[in-house]
């Protein structure tokens, strides 16, 4: 066997081993590639930086009603927009820290992860309703929105409920091309 055939055989075996090792994990997800979300780690300052010092309120159409909005109004609004009528606390991993805190919007590096912890107005004990994540993937993964992968995690922060090129997320984030598809109203100007 010549050197090229041996090289191809070894590469092929490596691919098979990687695919076998990743069996049973989330498909089309950065989680498959080593990232595993655990909300209990968000307070670890060696892994995450808390972006906003106090929860930031994202208003909703229910806030503009001519009457006091009800819990049902807010729940209906969040079905259309998971960020609506919630208080968010944003975290960024060390890879994305520099781009997040830059005065002018920058492109986030591959491997950047942004987490939004969402607490609703009527959340029991102010427990999170859910977490949303943006994971910066390799070039070409999702060019329409800057190669971001979107994920939604359960309120207890232990289970990924949806992940990938989520249309509901992309529909809004596509409007923020000038800031690498990241909304940043929760940052205070210095």
C-alpha atoms as a PDB file:
ATOM      1  CA  UNK A   1       0.000   0.000   0.000  1.00  0.00           C
ATOM      2  CA  UNK A   2       1.336   3.426  -0.874  1.00  0.00           C
ATOM      3  CA  UNK A   3       1.516   6.319   1.602  1.00  0.00           C
ATOM      4  CA  UNK A   4      -1.576   8.108   0.207  1.00  0.00           C
ATOM      5  CA  UNK A   5      -3.783   5.013   0.610  1.00  0.00           C
ATOM      6  CA  UNK A   6      -2.553   4.504   4.181  1.00  0.00           C
ATOM      7  CA  UNK A   7      -3.204   8.161   4.954  1.00  0.00           C
ATOM      8  CA  UNK A   8      -6.770   7.939   3.525  1.00  0.00           C
ATOM      9  CA  UNK A   9      -7.402   4.732   5.471  1.00  0.00           C
ATOM     10  CA  UNK A  10      -6.246   6.335   8.735  1.00  0.00           C
ATOM     11  CA  UNK A  11      -8.332   9.464   8.151  1.00  0.00           C
ATOM     12  CA  UNK A  12     -11.381   7.311   7.360  1.00  0.00           C
ATOM     13  CA  UNK A  13     -10.880   5.281  10.541  1.00  0.00           C
ATOM     14  CA  UNK A  14     -10.593   8.494  12.544  1.00  0.00           C
ATOM     15  CA  UNK A  15     -13.877   9.780  11.106  1.00  0.00           C
ATOM     16  CA  UNK A  16     -15.628   6.505  11.944  1.00  0.00           C
ATOM     17  CA  UNK A  17     -14.276   6.657  15.507  1.00  0.00           C
ATOM     18  CA  UNK A  18     -15.471  10.250  15.935  1.00  0.00           C
ATOM     19  CA  UNK A  19     -18.930   9.428  14.592  1.00  0.00           C
ATOM     20  CA  UNK A  20     -19.187   6.419  16.873  1.00  0.00           C
ATOM     21  CA  UNK A  21     -18.099   8.464  19.895  1.00  0.00           C
ATOM     22  CA  UNK A  22     -20.746  11.090  19.201  1.00  0.00           C
ATOM     23  CA  UNK A  23     -23.626   8.627  18.733  1.00  0.00           C
ATOM     24  CA  UNK A  24     -26.582   9.431  20.972  1.00  0.00           C
ATOM     25  CA  UNK A  25     -25.666  13.058  21.419  1.00  0.00           C
ATOM     26  CA  UNK A  26     -27.585  16.041  20.046  1.00  0.00           C
ATOM     27  CA  UNK A  27     -27.287  16.252  16.284  1.00  0.00           C
ATOM     28  CA  UNK A  28     -26.489  19.461  14.401  1.00  0.00           C
ATOM     29  CA  UNK A  29     -25.324  20.977  17.631  1.00  0.00           C
ATOM     30  CA  UNK A  30     -22.189  22.397  19.192  1.00  0.00           C
ATOM     31  CA  UNK A  31     -23.082  20.168  22.136  1.00  0.00           C
ATOM     32  CA  UNK A  32     -22.036  17.247  19.934  1.00  0.00           C
ATOM     33  CA  UNK A  33     -18.636  18.900  19.611  1.00  0.00           C
ATOM     34  CA  UNK A  34     -17.889  19.200  23.307  1.00  0.00           C
ATOM     35  CA  UNK A  35     -20.059  22.041  24.619  1.00  0.00           C
ATOM     36  CA  UNK A  36     -22.524  20.935  27.261  1.00  0.00           C
ATOM     37  CA  UNK A  37     -24.781  23.551  28.826  1.00  0.00           C
ATOM     38  CA  UNK A  38     -25.169  23.443  32.584  1.00  0.00           C
ATOM     39  CA  UNK A  39     -26.905  26.490  34.080  1.00  0.00           C
ATOM     40  CA  UNK A  40     -25.390  25.790  37.498  1.00  0.00           C
ATOM     41  CA  UNK A  41     -21.990  26.786  36.034  1.00  0.00           C
ATOM     42  CA  UNK A  42     -23.078  30.310  35.015  1.00  0.00           C
ATOM     43  CA  UNK A  43     -21.851  31.782  38.309  1.00  0.00           C
ATOM     44  CA  UNK A  44     -18.342  30.372  37.720  1.00  0.00           C
ATOM     45  CA  UNK A  45     -16.387  33.491  36.760  1.00  0.00           C
ATOM     46  CA  UNK A  46     -13.582  31.417  35.236  1.00  0.00           C
ATOM     47  CA  UNK A  47     -16.039  30.119  32.624  1.00  0.00           C
ATOM     48  CA  UNK A  48     -18.626  32.896  32.258  1.00  0.00           C
ATOM     49  CA  UNK A  49     -18.871  36.665  32.517  1.00  0.00           C
ATOM     50  CA  UNK A  50     -22.203  38.133  33.589  1.00  0.00           C
ATOM     51  CA  UNK A  51     -22.881  40.892  31.061  1.00  0.00           C
ATOM     52  CA  UNK A  52     -25.597  42.955  32.753  1.00  0.00           C
ATOM     53  CA  UNK A  53     -25.388  43.713  36.460  1.00  0.00           C
ATOM     54  CA  UNK A  54     -29.136  43.630  37.019  1.00  0.00           C
ATOM     55  CA  UNK A  55     -31.877  41.873  35.039  1.00  0.00           C
ATOM     56  CA  UNK A  56     -32.924  43.724  31.890  1.00  0.00           C
ATOM     57  CA  UNK A  57     -36.644  43.853  31.101  1.00  0.00           C
ATOM     58  CA  UNK A  58     -37.719  43.110  27.544  1.00  0.00           C
ATOM     59  CA  UNK A  59     -41.135  44.638  26.999  1.00  0.00           C
ATOM     60  CA  UNK A  60     -43.946  43.095  24.984  1.00  0.00           C
ATOM     61  CA  UNK A  61     -47.113  44.076  23.187  1.00  0.00           C
ATOM     62  CA  UNK A  62     -49.008  43.063  26.347  1.00  0.00           C
ATOM     63  CA  UNK A  63     -47.354  45.972  28.180  1.00  0.00           C
ATOM     64  CA  UNK A  64     -49.155  48.412  25.867  1.00  0.00           C
ATOM     65  CA  UNK A  65     -52.676  47.123  26.487  1.00  0.00           C
ATOM     66  CA  UNK A  66     -55.278  49.625  27.687  1.00  0.00           C
ATOM     67  CA  UNK A  67     -55.764  47.459  30.757  1.00  0.00           C
ATOM     68  CA  UNK A  68     -53.468  45.709  33.186  1.00  0.00           C
ATOM     69  CA  UNK A  69     -51.959  42.690  31.401  1.00  0.00           C
ATOM     70  CA  UNK A  70     -52.694  39.284  32.869  1.00  0.00           C
ATOM     71  CA  UNK A  71     -50.445  36.276  33.263  1.00  0.00           C
ATOM     72  CA  UNK A  72     -52.249  34.764  30.244  1.00  0.00           C
ATOM     73  CA  UNK A  73     -51.458  37.846  28.124  1.00  0.00           C
ATOM     74  CA  UNK A  74     -47.748  37.454  28.877  1.00  0.00           C
ATOM     75  CA  UNK A  75     -47.747  33.702  28.275  1.00  0.00           C
ATOM     76  CA  UNK A  76     -49.434  34.196  24.880  1.00  0.00           C
ATOM     77  CA  UNK A  77     -46.918  36.882  23.959  1.00  0.00           C
ATOM     78  CA  UNK A  78     -43.968  34.630  24.875  1.00  0.00           C
ATOM     79  CA  UNK A  79     -45.272  31.961  22.493  1.00  0.00           C
ATOM     80  CA  UNK A  80     -44.645  34.436  19.672  1.00  0.00           C
ATOM     81  CA  UNK A  81     -41.413  35.819  21.116  1.00  0.00           C
ATOM     82  CA  UNK A  82     -39.611  33.885  23.874  1.00  0.00           C
ATOM     83  CA  UNK A  83     -37.856  37.066  25.020  1.00  0.00           C
ATOM     84  CA  UNK A  84     -41.032  39.134  25.453  1.00  0.00           C
ATOM     85  CA  UNK A  85     -42.151  40.147  28.927  1.00  0.00           C
ATOM     86  CA  UNK A  86     -39.131  38.646  30.600  1.00  0.00           C
ATOM     87  CA  UNK A  87     -36.235  39.830  32.659  1.00  0.00           C
ATOM     88  CA  UNK A  88     -32.989  38.591  31.181  1.00  0.00           C
ATOM     89  CA  UNK A  89     -29.554  38.134  32.645  1.00  0.00           C
ATOM     90  CA  UNK A  90     -26.935  37.622  29.958  1.00  0.00           C
ATOM     91  CA  UNK A  91     -23.740  35.607  30.238  1.00  0.00           C
ATOM     92  CA  UNK A  92     -20.894  35.160  27.758  1.00  0.00           C
ATOM     93  CA  UNK A  93     -18.107  32.602  27.812  1.00  0.00           C
ATOM     94  CA  UNK A  94     -14.453  33.630  27.811  1.00  0.00           C
ATOM     95  CA  UNK A  95     -14.134  33.160  24.030  1.00  0.00           C
ATOM     96  CA  UNK A  96     -16.829  35.768  23.375  1.00  0.00           C
ATOM     97  CA  UNK A  97     -16.034  38.155  26.214  1.00  0.00           C
ATOM     98  CA  UNK A  98     -13.923  40.647  24.248  1.00  0.00           C
ATOM     99  CA  UNK A  99     -16.466  40.994  21.436  1.00  0.00           C
ATOM    100  CA  UNK A 100     -19.385  41.314  23.868  1.00  0.00           C
ATOM    101  CA  UNK A 101     -17.831  44.133  25.882  1.00  0.00           C
ATOM    102  CA  UNK A 102     -16.316  46.004  22.927  1.00  0.00           C
ATOM    103  CA  UNK A 103     -17.593  49.591  22.574  1.00  0.00           C
ATOM    104  CA  UNK A 104     -18.283  49.045  18.878  1.00  0.00           C
ATOM    105  CA  UNK A 105     -19.946  45.803  17.722  1.00  0.00           C
ATOM    106  CA  UNK A 106     -17.450  43.148  16.607  1.00  0.00           C
ATOM    107  CA  UNK A 107     -17.636  39.736  15.038  1.00  0.00           C
ATOM    108  CA  UNK A 108     -17.623  37.038  17.709  1.00  0.00           C
ATOM    109  CA  UNK A 109     -14.982  34.311  17.477  1.00  0.00           C
ATOM    110  CA  UNK A 110     -15.907  30.725  16.703  1.00  0.00           C
ATOM    111  CA  UNK A 111     -16.674  29.017  20.028  1.00  0.00           C
ATOM    112  CA  UNK A 112     -18.314  32.099  21.574  1.00  0.00           C
ATOM    113  CA  UNK A 113     -21.403  31.251  23.612  1.00  0.00           C
ATOM    114  CA  UNK A 114     -24.024  33.761  24.775  1.00  0.00           C
ATOM    115  CA  UNK A 115     -26.654  32.648  27.300  1.00  0.00           C
ATOM    116  CA  UNK A 116     -29.819  34.538  28.221  1.00  0.00           C
ATOM    117  CA  UNK A 117     -31.460  33.447  31.450  1.00  0.00           C
ATOM    118  CA  UNK A 118     -35.130  34.425  31.261  1.00  0.00           C
ATOM    119  CA  UNK A 119     -37.355  35.035  34.246  1.00  0.00           C
ATOM    120  CA  UNK A 120     -40.999  35.963  33.698  1.00  0.00           C
ATOM    121  CA  UNK A 121     -42.989  38.523  35.642  1.00  0.00           C
ATOM    122  CA  UNK A 122     -45.039  35.746  37.225  1.00  0.00           C
ATOM    123  CA  UNK A 123     -42.275  33.144  37.603  1.00  0.00           C
ATOM    124  CA  UNK A 124     -42.585  31.148  40.798  1.00  0.00           C
ATOM    125  CA  UNK A 125     -39.764  32.178  43.132  1.00  0.00           C
ATOM    126  CA  UNK A 126     -38.191  34.060  40.223  1.00  0.00           C
ATOM    127  CA  UNK A 127     -37.063  30.730  38.757  1.00  0.00           C
ATOM    128  CA  UNK A 128     -35.988  30.839  35.104  1.00  0.00           C
ATOM    129  CA  UNK A 129     -38.631  30.077  32.500  1.00  0.00           C
ATOM    130  CA  UNK A 130     -35.934  28.974  30.093  1.00  0.00           C
ATOM    131  CA  UNK A 131     -32.469  29.708  28.776  1.00  0.00           C
ATOM    132  CA  UNK A 132     -31.626  30.646  25.220  1.00  0.00           C
ATOM    133  CA  UNK A 133     -28.159  30.164  23.823  1.00  0.00           C
ATOM    134  CA  UNK A 134     -26.269  31.411  20.805  1.00  0.00           C
ATOM    135  CA  UNK A 135     -23.224  29.347  19.869  1.00  0.00           C
ATOM    136  CA  UNK A 136     -20.823  30.679  17.226  1.00  0.00           C
ATOM    137  CA  UNK A 137     -20.038  27.815  14.871  1.00  0.00           C
ATOM    138  CA  UNK A 138     -17.528  27.231  12.104  1.00  0.00           C
ATOM    139  CA  UNK A 139     -17.701  29.374   8.944  1.00  0.00           C
ATOM    140  CA  UNK A 140     -20.411  28.088   6.607  1.00  0.00           C
ATOM    141  CA  UNK A 141     -22.580  26.530   9.340  1.00  0.00           C
ATOM    142  CA  UNK A 142     -25.359  29.141   9.054  1.00  0.00           C
ATOM    143  CA  UNK A 143     -24.170  32.076   6.893  1.00  0.00           C
ATOM    144  CA  UNK A 144     -27.584  33.814   6.879  1.00  0.00           C
ATOM    145  CA  UNK A 145     -27.071  34.738  10.550  1.00  0.00           C
ATOM    146  CA  UNK A 146     -23.298  34.834  10.948  1.00  0.00           C
ATOM    147  CA  UNK A 147     -22.856  31.088  11.621  1.00  0.00           C
ATOM    148  CA  UNK A 148     -24.754  31.164  14.911  1.00  0.00           C
ATOM    149  CA  UNK A 149     -26.473  28.080  16.272  1.00  0.00           C
ATOM    150  CA  UNK A 150     -29.491  28.762  18.475  1.00  0.00           C
ATOM    151  CA  UNK A 151     -30.549  26.578  21.391  1.00  0.00           C
ATOM    152  CA  UNK A 152     -33.309  26.603  23.978  1.00  0.00           C
ATOM    153  CA  UNK A 153     -32.743  24.939  27.348  1.00  0.00           C
ATOM    154  CA  UNK A 154     -35.267  24.032  30.009  1.00  0.00           C
ATOM    155  CA  UNK A 155     -35.902  26.349  32.940  1.00  0.00           C
ATOM    156  CA  UNK A 156     -33.911  24.083  35.251  1.00  0.00           C
ATOM    157  CA  UNK A 157     -30.981  24.451  32.848  1.00  0.00           C
ATOM    158  CA  UNK A 158     -30.314  20.764  32.419  1.00  0.00           C
ATOM    159  CA  UNK A 159     -32.010  19.816  29.142  1.00  0.00           C
ATOM    160  CA  UNK A 160     -31.663  21.204  25.625  1.00  0.00           C
ATOM    161  CA  UNK A 161     -35.173  21.349  24.163  1.00  0.00           C
ATOM    162  CA  UNK A 162     -34.318  22.629  20.676  1.00  0.00           C
ATOM    163  CA  UNK A 163     -31.093  23.366  18.881  1.00  0.00           C
ATOM    164  CA  UNK A 164     -29.839  24.266  15.428  1.00  0.00           C
ATOM    165  CA  UNK A 165     -30.885  26.800  12.816  1.00  0.00           C
ATOM    166  CA  UNK A 166     -34.080  27.693  14.688  1.00  0.00           C
ATOM    167  CA  UNK A 167     -36.321  29.782  12.442  1.00  0.00           C
ATOM    168  CA  UNK A 168     -38.019  31.559  15.353  1.00  0.00           C
ATOM    169  CA  UNK A 169     -34.622  32.866  16.523  1.00  0.00           C
ATOM    170  CA  UNK A 170     -33.228  33.637  13.085  1.00  0.00           C
ATOM    171  CA  UNK A 171     -36.254  35.732  12.094  1.00  0.00           C
ATOM    172  CA  UNK A 172     -35.342  38.395  14.660  1.00  0.00           C
ATOM    173  CA  UNK A 173     -31.569  38.078  14.779  1.00  0.00           C
ATOM    174  CA  UNK A 174     -31.223  38.535  11.013  1.00  0.00           C
ATOM    175  CA  UNK A 175     -32.076  42.221  11.603  1.00  0.00           C
ATOM    176  CA  UNK A 176     -28.844  42.733  13.587  1.00  0.00           C
ATOM    177  CA  UNK A 177     -26.301  42.053  10.824  1.00  0.00           C
ATOM    178  CA  UNK A 178     -24.310  45.156  11.839  1.00  0.00           C
ATOM    179  CA  UNK A 179     -23.606  43.685  15.306  1.00  0.00           C
ATOM    180  CA  UNK A 180     -22.856  40.085  14.250  1.00  0.00           C
ATOM    181  CA  UNK A 181     -26.559  39.273  14.730  1.00  0.00           C
ATOM    182  CA  UNK A 182     -26.418  39.946  18.484  1.00  0.00           C
ATOM    183  CA  UNK A 183     -28.804  42.299  20.285  1.00  0.00           C
ATOM    184  CA  UNK A 184     -27.010  44.217  23.056  1.00  0.00           C
ATOM    185  CA  UNK A 185     -29.441  46.740  24.630  1.00  0.00           C
ATOM    186  CA  UNK A 186     -28.588  45.418  28.090  1.00  0.00           C
ATOM    187  CA  UNK A 187     -25.043  46.849  27.872  1.00  0.00           C
ATOM    188  CA  UNK A 188     -24.622  50.185  29.613  1.00  0.00           C
ATOM    189  CA  UNK A 189     -22.531  52.788  27.793  1.00  0.00           C
ATOM    190  CA  UNK A 190     -19.497  53.849  29.787  1.00  0.00           C
END
